[in-house]
Amino acid sequence: MRVSVVVPGLNAAATLGQVLRALRAQGWPQVEVVYVDSGSIDASVALARSMNLEVVELDAKTPFTAARARNAGVQRLLQIAPDTQFVQFVDGDCEVVPDWWASAAPRLEEQNDLAVVCGRRRERFPDASPYNRLCDIEWNTPVGDTDACGGDSMMRIEAFQAVGGFNPELIAGEEPELCLCLRQKGWKIERLDAEMTIHDAAMTRPSQWWRREKRTGYAMAEAVAMHGRKPERFRVSKHRSNWLWGLAIPLLAIAPAYWTSGWSVVLLAAYPIQWLRIRSRALRERCPVARDATLYATHLLLGKFPQMLGQAKFWLGRLFKRPSKLIEYKDAPSAAPTGQSL
């Protein structure tokens, strides 16, 4: 088995060293590692070169996206290691755990119709903030056959090439879109019951959470524009749900309140009812701890508002032919760089 690695990064100097130390435990430098930089203003590129990595610096004339970075990494990888069978994608703020490859690569080798395997991604500091804990809860998806993977995964090069890689124009949500294309061609995606990576969300403020949810909504609308009319109705139900809870219900409750003597405000009772439903389901399926279920339900319900705004941003941009731009929830480095990844 020939496994190589692609690490996309943006201002990743603070975390890149830890990422690479973890890769050493997987067999690097015996495997090829390509670092792809998306216009960092910190020491990311210099650090990668000092570690003798293959470095690709993306041209700033074309908009940066994580999808574009991953594609460029695979392209360079196949130039320097053309016999690569599987590629491990790991974001510049993530660390691959020691036993992951021992689970992932053999699974891909033994099942020829399997395109992607992923495992459990965990937050490094889940108790540092409620937003970090939310990320840790989000990563806890069911094991077995699945519809999509996240940014960290191991992919079969043959399958990756069969669908032309990631869509480089997507500012987010490129992994589910790629997985949809793979499934349409008969490939399978599987989440293994194994630890995979440790992630550092570094979210400490509500504004970061808001921007992250807004980016999610933007990506959702983008996916609907591309695939919503196909038989899978990709992301259509979630897209509609955001419009309903993030815009329609508040408008129907508040706008006619004067003419209904306030009775229309009763519609807002739908929110606590929906919150209770989400919390109950979370307790059964995802969050056995009541505190986590409460946090998760609150996040899902309140997240409808920034996600709706993200959707509106996409559709308005499409109407007025404005190009997509990254919506980054992590802060750019200041005088003392604090590396972050795409």
Protein backbone atom coordinates (compact mmCIF):
# COMPACT_ATOMS: atom_id res chain seq x y z
CA MET A 1 0.00 0.00 0.00
CA ARG A 2 1.32 3.44 -0.92
CA VAL A 3 -0.19 6.17 1.25
CA SER A 4 0.73 9.83 0.81
CA VAL A 5 -0.45 12.97 2.57
CA VAL A 6 -1.85 16.34 1.55
CA VAL A 7 -1.97 19.12 4.16
CA PRO A 8 -3.82 22.30 3.08
CA GLY A 9 -3.12 25.29 5.28
CA LEU A 10 -3.64 28.99 5.80
CA ASN A 11 -1.58 30.74 8.49
CA ALA A 12 -0.83 27.33 10.02
CA ALA A 13 2.55 28.09 11.61
CA ALA A 14 1.25 27.62 15.16
CA THR A 15 -0.12 24.15 14.47
CA LEU A 16 1.85 22.78 11.52
CA GLY A 17 4.72 21.46 13.64
CA GLN A 18 2.35 19.40 15.74
CA VAL A 19 0.61 18.10 12.61
CA LEU A 20 3.90 16.90 11.18
CA ARG A 21 5.09 15.31 14.42
CA ALA A 22 1.92 13.26 14.39
CA LEU A 23 2.57 12.23 10.79
CA ARG A 24 6.00 10.95 11.77
CA ALA A 25 4.22 8.39 13.94
CA GLN A 26 2.45 7.16 10.79
CA GLY A 27 5.71 6.53 8.90
CA TRP A 28 6.75 9.95 7.57
CA PRO A 29 9.29 10.75 6.11
CA GLN A 30 8.95 7.38 4.35
CA VAL A 31 5.68 8.69 2.87
CA GLU A 32 5.34 11.81 0.72
CA VAL A 33 3.80 14.85 2.39
CA VAL A 34 2.69 17.86 0.36
CA TYR A 35 1.87 21.11 2.14
CA VAL A 36 -0.36 23.47 0.13
CA ASP A 37 -0.41 27.09 1.27
CA SER A 38 -3.28 29.47 0.53
CA GLY A 39 -1.64 32.85 0.92
CA SER A 40 -0.40 32.65 4.52
CA ILE A 41 0.98 35.81 6.08
CA ASP A 42 2.73 33.97 8.90
CA ALA A 43 5.71 31.60 8.81
CA SER A 44 3.78 28.57 7.52
CA VAL A 45 5.70 28.22 4.25
CA ALA A 46 9.11 28.73 5.84
CA LEU A 47 8.29 26.19 8.55
CA ALA A 48 7.15 23.61 5.99
CA ARG A 49 10.28 24.08 3.91
CA SER A 50 12.49 23.79 7.02
CA MET A 51 10.93 20.35 7.57
CA ASN A 52 11.81 19.34 4.01
CA LEU A 53 8.20 19.13 2.90
CA GLU A 54 7.10 19.47 -0.67
CA VAL A 55 5.44 22.90 -0.71
CA VAL A 56 2.87 24.26 -3.15
CA GLU A 57 2.06 27.97 -2.91
CA LEU A 58 -1.24 28.78 -4.59
CA ASP A 59 -1.43 31.79 -6.88
CA ALA A 60 -3.40 34.59 -5.22
CA LYS A 61 -4.87 35.64 -8.57
CA THR A 62 -7.38 32.79 -8.23
CA PRO A 63 -9.65 32.79 -5.14
CA PHE A 64 -8.41 30.53 -2.36
CA THR A 65 -10.53 27.58 -1.23
CA ALA A 66 -9.70 24.43 0.72
CA ALA A 67 -11.00 22.42 -2.25
CA ARG A 68 -8.57 24.11 -4.62
CA ALA A 69 -5.72 23.51 -2.16
CA ARG A 70 -6.50 19.80 -1.84
CA ASN A 71 -6.68 19.38 -5.62
CA ALA A 72 -3.35 21.14 -6.06
CA GLY A 73 -1.83 18.91 -3.40
CA VAL A 74 -2.97 15.73 -5.13
CA GLN A 75 -1.75 17.02 -8.49
CA ARG A 76 1.73 17.64 -7.08
CA LEU A 77 1.64 14.38 -5.16
CA LEU A 78 1.09 12.36 -8.32
CA GLN A 79 4.02 14.11 -9.95
CA ILE A 80 6.47 13.16 -7.20
CA ALA A 81 4.85 9.86 -6.12
CA PRO A 82 2.88 8.51 -9.11
CA ASP A 83 2.43 5.10 -7.48
CA THR A 84 0.30 6.57 -4.64
CA GLN A 85 -2.79 4.46 -4.05
CA PHE A 86 -4.40 6.32 -1.17
CA VAL A 87 -4.16 9.94 -0.07
CA GLN A 88 -4.66 11.08 3.50
CA PHE A 89 -6.08 14.59 3.73
CA VAL A 90 -5.39 16.31 7.03
CA ASP A 91 -6.13 19.98 7.68
CA GLY A 92 -3.40 22.21 9.03
CA ASP A 93 -5.10 22.46 12.43
CA CYS A 94 -5.50 18.70 12.85
CA GLU A 95 -3.32 15.89 14.14
CA VAL A 96 -3.55 12.30 12.90
CA VAL A 97 -3.67 9.84 15.80
CA PRO A 98 -1.02 7.06 15.80
CA ASP A 99 -3.20 4.04 14.94
CA TRP A 100 -5.37 5.60 12.25
CA TRP A 101 -3.51 4.36 9.17
CA ALA A 102 -3.47 0.81 10.54
CA SER A 103 -7.28 0.93 10.39
CA ALA A 104 -7.87 3.04 7.29
CA ALA A 105 -5.46 1.79 4.63
CA PRO A 106 -6.20 -1.96 5.05
CA ARG A 107 -9.94 -1.25 4.92
CA LEU A 108 -9.55 0.57 1.60
CA GLU A 109 -7.35 -2.21 0.27
CA GLU A 110 -9.76 -5.01 1.15
CA GLN A 111 -12.92 -3.39 -0.28
CA ASN A 112 -12.48 -2.30 -3.88
CA ASP A 113 -15.69 -0.28 -4.14
CA LEU A 114 -14.81 1.84 -1.10
CA ALA A 115 -13.65 5.32 -2.10
CA VAL A 116 -13.28 7.06 1.26
CA VAL A 117 -12.80 6.09 4.88
CA CYS A 118 -12.98 8.46 7.80
CA GLY A 119 -13.01 8.01 11.56
CA ARG A 120 -13.67 9.89 14.77
CA ARG A 121 -12.43 13.47 14.77
CA ARG A 122 -12.14 14.97 18.24
CA GLU A 123 -11.62 18.46 19.58
CA ARG A 124 -8.31 19.05 21.35
CA PHE A 125 -9.84 21.36 23.96
CA PRO A 126 -13.58 20.57 24.09
CA ASP A 127 -14.00 22.25 27.49
CA ALA A 128 -12.29 25.49 26.48
CA SER A 129 -15.57 26.95 25.22
CA PRO A 130 -19.11 25.82 24.38
CA TYR A 131 -18.27 26.35 20.70
CA ASN A 132 -15.37 23.89 20.86
CA ARG A 133 -17.65 21.38 22.59
CA LEU A 134 -20.21 21.82 19.82
CA CYS A 135 -17.57 20.91 17.27
CA ASP A 136 -16.70 17.78 19.22
CA ILE A 137 -20.38 16.81 19.28
CA GLU A 138 -20.74 17.46 15.55
CA TRP A 139 -17.85 15.15 14.72
CA ASN A 140 -19.59 12.26 16.50
CA THR A 141 -21.46 10.79 13.54
CA PRO A 142 -22.67 7.18 13.17
CA VAL A 143 -20.19 4.50 12.07
CA GLY A 144 -20.70 2.37 8.97
CA ASP A 145 -21.81 3.36 5.48
CA THR A 146 -22.35 7.10 5.27
CA ASP A 147 -23.16 9.80 2.74
CA ALA A 148 -20.18 12.06 3.34
CA CYS A 149 -16.88 12.62 5.10
CA GLY A 150 -15.24 15.73 6.54
CA GLY A 151 -11.99 17.49 5.74
CA ASP A 152 -9.87 14.71 7.25
CA SER A 153 -10.19 11.40 5.43
CA MET A 154 -8.29 8.79 3.45
CA MET A 155 -9.31 8.51 -0.19
CA ARG A 156 -8.60 6.11 -3.00
CA ILE A 157 -6.73 8.01 -5.73
CA GLU A 158 -8.56 6.08 -8.44
CA ALA A 159 -11.94 7.24 -7.11
CA PHE A 160 -10.73 10.79 -6.53
CA GLN A 161 -9.62 11.04 -10.15
CA ALA A 162 -12.82 9.42 -11.43
CA VAL A 163 -14.87 12.44 -10.28
CA GLY A 164 -12.25 15.07 -11.06
CA GLY A 165 -11.43 15.84 -7.43
CA PHE A 166 -13.05 18.56 -5.35
CA ASN A 167 -14.97 21.43 -6.90
CA PRO A 168 -12.40 24.25 -6.45
CA GLU A 169 -15.03 27.00 -6.51
CA LEU A 170 -16.81 25.85 -3.34
CA ILE A 171 -15.84 27.94 -0.30
CA ALA A 172 -17.14 25.22 2.05
CA GLY A 173 -19.00 21.92 1.91
CA GLU A 174 -16.69 20.54 -0.77
CA GLU A 175 -16.39 17.15 0.94
CA PRO A 176 -20.13 16.26 0.93
CA GLU A 177 -20.34 17.44 -2.69
CA LEU A 178 -17.42 15.22 -3.69
CA CYS A 179 -18.95 12.29 -1.82
CA LEU A 180 -22.23 12.82 -3.65
CA CYS A 181 -20.40 12.61 -6.97
CA LEU A 182 -18.62 9.47 -5.81
CA ARG A 183 -21.85 7.79 -4.74
CA GLN A 184 -23.44 8.67 -8.08
CA LYS A 185 -20.67 6.66 -9.73
CA GLY A 186 -21.19 3.65 -7.48
CA TRP A 187 -18.45 4.28 -4.91
CA LYS A 188 -19.02 3.94 -1.16
CA ILE A 189 -18.01 6.07 1.83
CA GLU A 190 -17.53 4.55 5.26
CA ARG A 191 -16.90 5.88 8.74
CA LEU A 192 -14.82 3.44 10.75
CA ASP A 193 -15.15 2.86 14.47
CA ALA A 194 -11.65 4.24 15.01
CA GLU A 195 -9.97 7.40 16.25
CA MET A 196 -8.71 9.51 13.33
CA THR A 197 -7.66 13.08 14.11
CA ILE A 198 -7.51 15.73 16.82
CA HIS A 199 -8.80 19.14 15.75
CA ASP A 200 -8.31 22.58 17.22
CA ALA A 201 -11.34 24.76 16.48
CA ALA A 202 -10.01 27.60 18.67
CA MET A 203 -13.49 29.14 18.91
CA THR A 204 -13.90 31.30 21.98
CA ARG A 205 -16.38 34.00 20.89
CA PRO A 206 -19.99 34.03 19.69
CA SER A 207 -18.94 35.98 16.60
CA GLN A 208 -16.74 33.06 15.49
CA TRP A 209 -19.62 30.64 15.91
CA TRP A 210 -21.89 33.02 13.96
CA ARG A 211 -19.44 33.27 11.03
CA ARG A 212 -19.00 29.49 10.96
CA GLU A 213 -22.76 28.94 10.80
CA LYS A 214 -23.11 31.61 8.14
CA ARG A 215 -20.49 29.79 6.06
CA THR A 216 -22.45 26.56 6.54
CA GLY A 217 -25.59 28.23 5.18
CA TYR A 218 -23.71 29.66 2.23
CA ALA A 219 -22.30 26.22 1.38
CA MET A 220 -25.76 24.68 1.72
CA ALA A 221 -27.27 27.11 -0.78
CA GLU A 222 -24.34 26.52 -3.12
CA ALA A 223 -24.96 22.76 -2.96
CA VAL A 224 -28.67 23.21 -3.66
CA ALA A 225 -27.88 25.39 -6.67
CA MET A 226 -25.62 22.66 -8.06
CA HIS A 227 -27.51 19.47 -7.17
CA GLY A 228 -30.88 20.40 -5.69
CA ARG A 229 -32.87 19.47 -8.79
CA LYS A 230 -31.27 16.06 -9.17
CA PRO A 231 -33.00 12.93 -7.82
CA GLU A 232 -31.06 13.09 -4.53
CA ARG A 233 -32.50 16.58 -3.83
CA PHE A 234 -29.12 17.28 -2.24
CA ARG A 235 -29.39 19.56 0.85
CA VAL A 236 -32.87 20.78 -0.22
CA SER A 237 -34.66 19.88 3.02
CA LYS A 238 -32.06 21.57 5.23
CA HIS A 239 -32.05 24.59 2.93
CA ARG A 240 -35.81 24.93 3.27
CA SER A 241 -35.64 24.39 7.03
CA ASN A 242 -33.28 27.35 7.39
CA TRP A 243 -35.67 29.61 5.47
CA LEU A 244 -38.59 28.39 7.59
CA TRP A 245 -37.03 28.77 11.04
CA GLY A 246 -34.63 31.59 10.25
CA LEU A 247 -37.02 33.87 8.36
CA ALA A 248 -40.58 32.70 7.62
CA ILE A 249 -41.82 31.96 11.16
CA PRO A 250 -40.44 35.19 12.69
CA LEU A 251 -41.96 37.23 9.86
CA LEU A 252 -45.34 35.53 10.11
CA ALA A 253 -45.34 35.97 13.88
CA ILE A 254 -44.21 39.58 14.15
CA ALA A 255 -45.23 41.38 10.93
CA PRO A 256 -49.02 40.92 11.31
CA ALA A 257 -49.02 41.28 15.13
CA TYR A 258 -50.73 44.69 15.01
CA TRP A 259 -53.59 43.45 12.83
CA THR A 260 -54.04 40.20 14.79
CA SER A 261 -54.03 41.90 18.20
CA GLY A 262 -50.85 40.03 18.99
CA TRP A 263 -52.24 36.56 18.35
CA SER A 264 -49.79 35.89 15.52
CA VAL A 265 -46.94 35.95 18.07
CA VAL A 266 -48.22 32.58 19.26
CA LEU A 267 -46.35 31.13 16.29
CA LEU A 268 -43.11 31.75 18.19
CA ALA A 269 -44.12 28.91 20.52
CA ALA A 270 -42.92 26.62 17.74
CA TYR A 271 -39.32 27.36 18.79
CA PRO A 272 -39.38 25.87 22.31
CA ILE A 273 -41.38 22.92 20.98
CA GLN A 274 -38.81 22.32 18.26
CA TRP A 275 -35.98 22.73 20.78
CA LEU A 276 -37.47 20.01 22.97
CA ARG A 277 -37.79 17.69 19.99
CA ILE A 278 -34.18 18.23 18.94
CA ARG A 279 -32.90 17.75 22.49
CA SER A 280 -34.87 14.54 22.92
CA ARG A 281 -33.51 13.13 19.67
CA ALA A 282 -29.97 14.19 20.57
CA LEU A 283 -30.19 12.36 23.90
CA ARG A 284 -31.18 9.18 22.06
CA GLU A 285 -28.79 9.33 19.14
CA ARG A 286 -25.81 11.61 19.74
CA CYS A 287 -25.45 13.12 23.23
CA PRO A 288 -25.97 10.77 26.18
CA VAL A 289 -25.01 13.62 28.53
CA ALA A 290 -27.94 15.98 29.17
CA ARG A 291 -25.73 19.08 29.19
CA ASP A 292 -24.39 18.26 25.73
CA ALA A 293 -27.88 17.56 24.37
CA THR A 294 -29.07 20.93 25.68
CA LEU A 295 -26.11 22.72 24.08
CA TYR A 296 -26.53 20.87 20.79
CA ALA A 297 -30.27 21.57 20.54
CA THR A 298 -29.70 25.27 21.25
CA HIS A 299 -26.97 25.38 18.62
CA LEU A 300 -29.11 23.71 15.95
CA LEU A 301 -32.07 26.00 16.55
CA LEU A 302 -30.21 29.30 16.88
CA GLY A 303 -27.95 28.33 13.99
CA LYS A 304 -30.91 28.61 11.63
CA PHE A 305 -30.55 32.40 11.70
CA PRO A 306 -26.91 32.80 10.58
CA GLN A 307 -27.35 29.89 8.17
CA MET A 308 -30.34 31.64 6.62
CA LEU A 309 -28.21 34.78 6.22
CA GLY A 310 -25.47 32.72 4.60
CA GLN A 311 -28.02 31.31 2.15
CA ALA A 312 -29.28 34.81 1.39
CA LYS A 313 -25.70 35.95 0.81
CA PHE A 314 -25.18 33.18 -1.74
CA TRP A 315 -28.41 33.77 -3.66
CA LEU A 316 -27.91 37.55 -3.74
CA GLY A 317 -24.35 37.05 -4.93
CA ARG A 318 -25.59 34.71 -7.63
CA LEU A 319 -28.27 37.23 -8.69
CA PHE A 320 -25.79 40.10 -8.94
CA LYS A 321 -22.98 37.86 -10.26
CA ARG A 322 -20.65 38.49 -7.32
CA PRO A 323 -17.79 35.98 -6.93
CA SER A 324 -17.70 33.74 -3.89
CA LYS A 325 -15.31 34.70 -1.08
CA LEU A 326 -14.09 32.70 1.87
CA ILE A 327 -16.07 33.14 5.08
CA GLU A 328 -13.41 32.43 7.70
CA TYR A 329 -14.36 32.00 11.35
CA LYS A 330 -10.79 31.95 12.62
CA ASP A 331 -8.89 35.20 13.09
CA ALA A 332 -5.97 36.08 10.85
CA PRO A 333 -2.60 36.34 12.65
CA SER A 334 -1.57 39.74 13.97
CA ALA A 335 1.91 40.78 15.00
CA ALA A 336 2.35 37.47 16.77
CA PRO A 337 1.07 34.86 14.27
CA THR A 338 -1.46 32.38 15.62
CA GLY A 339 -1.68 29.95 12.70
CA GLN A 340 -5.06 28.81 11.54
CA SER A 341 -6.11 26.53 8.71
CA LEU A 342 -8.81 26.71 6.10
